[in-house]
Amino acid sequence: MTRRPVVLAAWLWAIVAVLWAGQLSYGVVRIVGVDVAVGALVAALMAATAVLLRRRGLPVRARTVTEKVQAGS
């Protein structure tokens, strides 16, 4: 057994939390259906990506391309 019971307890609680999350997600999929659950996940990922891109702004490479396009027109 491990010398640190706190570490063992943390691992056991992490396993329990993962099992509860899996059970909850299975219940959601059973209620709303697979296509709705996957669609919601994709929409959430797209929204998170859009928020990250807005916070960071355009990459430097994209800025130079847009500046060249604007200067050329």
Protein backbone atom coordinates (compact mmCIF):
# COMPACT_ATOMS: atom_id res chain seq x y z
CA MET A 1 0.00 0.00 0.00
CA THR A 2 1.04 3.60 -0.38
CA ARG A 3 2.77 5.59 2.32
CA ARG A 4 0.51 8.56 1.71
CA PRO A 5 -3.13 7.78 2.38
CA VAL A 6 -4.09 11.27 1.18
CA VAL A 7 -2.84 10.45 -2.32
CA LEU A 8 -4.73 7.18 -2.33
CA ALA A 9 -7.90 8.90 -1.13
CA ALA A 10 -7.55 11.58 -3.82
CA TRP A 11 -7.21 8.91 -6.52
CA LEU A 12 -10.26 7.06 -5.24
CA TRP A 13 -12.36 10.25 -5.15
CA ALA A 14 -11.17 11.12 -8.67
CA ILE A 15 -12.33 7.71 -9.89
CA VAL A 16 -15.70 8.17 -8.19
CA ALA A 17 -16.09 11.64 -9.75
CA VAL A 18 -15.31 10.27 -13.22
CA LEU A 19 -17.85 7.48 -12.76
CA TRP A 20 -20.51 9.98 -11.63
CA ALA A 21 -19.77 12.21 -14.63
CA GLY A 22 -20.05 9.23 -16.95
CA GLN A 23 -23.35 8.20 -15.42
CA LEU A 24 -24.69 11.75 -15.73
CA SER A 25 -23.62 12.08 -19.36
CA TYR A 26 -25.17 8.69 -20.16
CA GLY A 27 -28.44 9.87 -18.63
CA VAL A 28 -28.38 13.06 -20.68
CA VAL A 29 -27.73 11.12 -23.89
CA ARG A 30 -30.57 8.74 -23.10
CA ILE A 31 -32.99 11.62 -22.58
CA VAL A 32 -32.09 13.97 -25.46
CA GLY A 33 -30.57 11.53 -27.95
CA VAL A 34 -27.10 11.08 -29.36
CA ASP A 35 -27.44 13.56 -32.23
CA VAL A 36 -28.58 16.37 -29.95
CA ALA A 37 -25.82 15.67 -27.41
CA VAL A 38 -23.10 15.60 -30.09
CA GLY A 39 -24.52 18.73 -31.73
CA ALA A 40 -24.50 20.57 -28.40
CA LEU A 41 -20.91 19.48 -27.78
CA VAL A 42 -19.81 20.69 -31.22
CA ALA A 43 -21.63 24.01 -30.73
CA ALA A 44 -19.98 24.49 -27.34
CA LEU A 45 -16.54 23.77 -28.79
CA MET A 46 -17.12 26.22 -31.65
CA ALA A 47 -18.25 28.92 -29.23
CA ALA A 48 -15.21 28.34 -27.01
CA THR A 49 -12.92 28.56 -30.03
CA ALA A 50 -14.57 31.79 -31.17
CA VAL A 51 -14.17 33.31 -27.70
CA LEU A 52 -10.49 32.34 -27.58
CA LEU A 53 -9.84 33.77 -31.03
CA ARG A 54 -11.58 37.04 -30.14
CA ARG A 55 -9.59 37.40 -26.93
CA ARG A 56 -6.26 36.72 -28.62
CA GLY A 57 -7.06 38.59 -31.79
CA LEU A 58 -5.85 37.52 -35.19
CA PRO A 59 -2.47 35.83 -35.36
CA VAL A 60 0.41 37.97 -36.66
CA ARG A 61 0.49 36.03 -39.91
CA ALA A 62 -3.20 36.65 -40.56
CA ARG A 63 -2.78 40.35 -39.78
CA THR A 64 -0.06 40.75 -42.39
CA VAL A 65 -2.19 38.97 -44.98
CA THR A 66 -5.18 41.20 -44.28
CA GLU A 67 -2.98 44.31 -44.36
CA LYS A 68 -1.59 43.27 -47.76
CA VAL A 69 -5.10 42.68 -49.09
CA GLN A 70 -6.30 46.04 -47.81
CA ALA A 71 -3.24 47.85 -49.20
CA GLY A 72 -3.70 46.21 -52.58
CA SER A 73 -7.32 47.23 -52.98
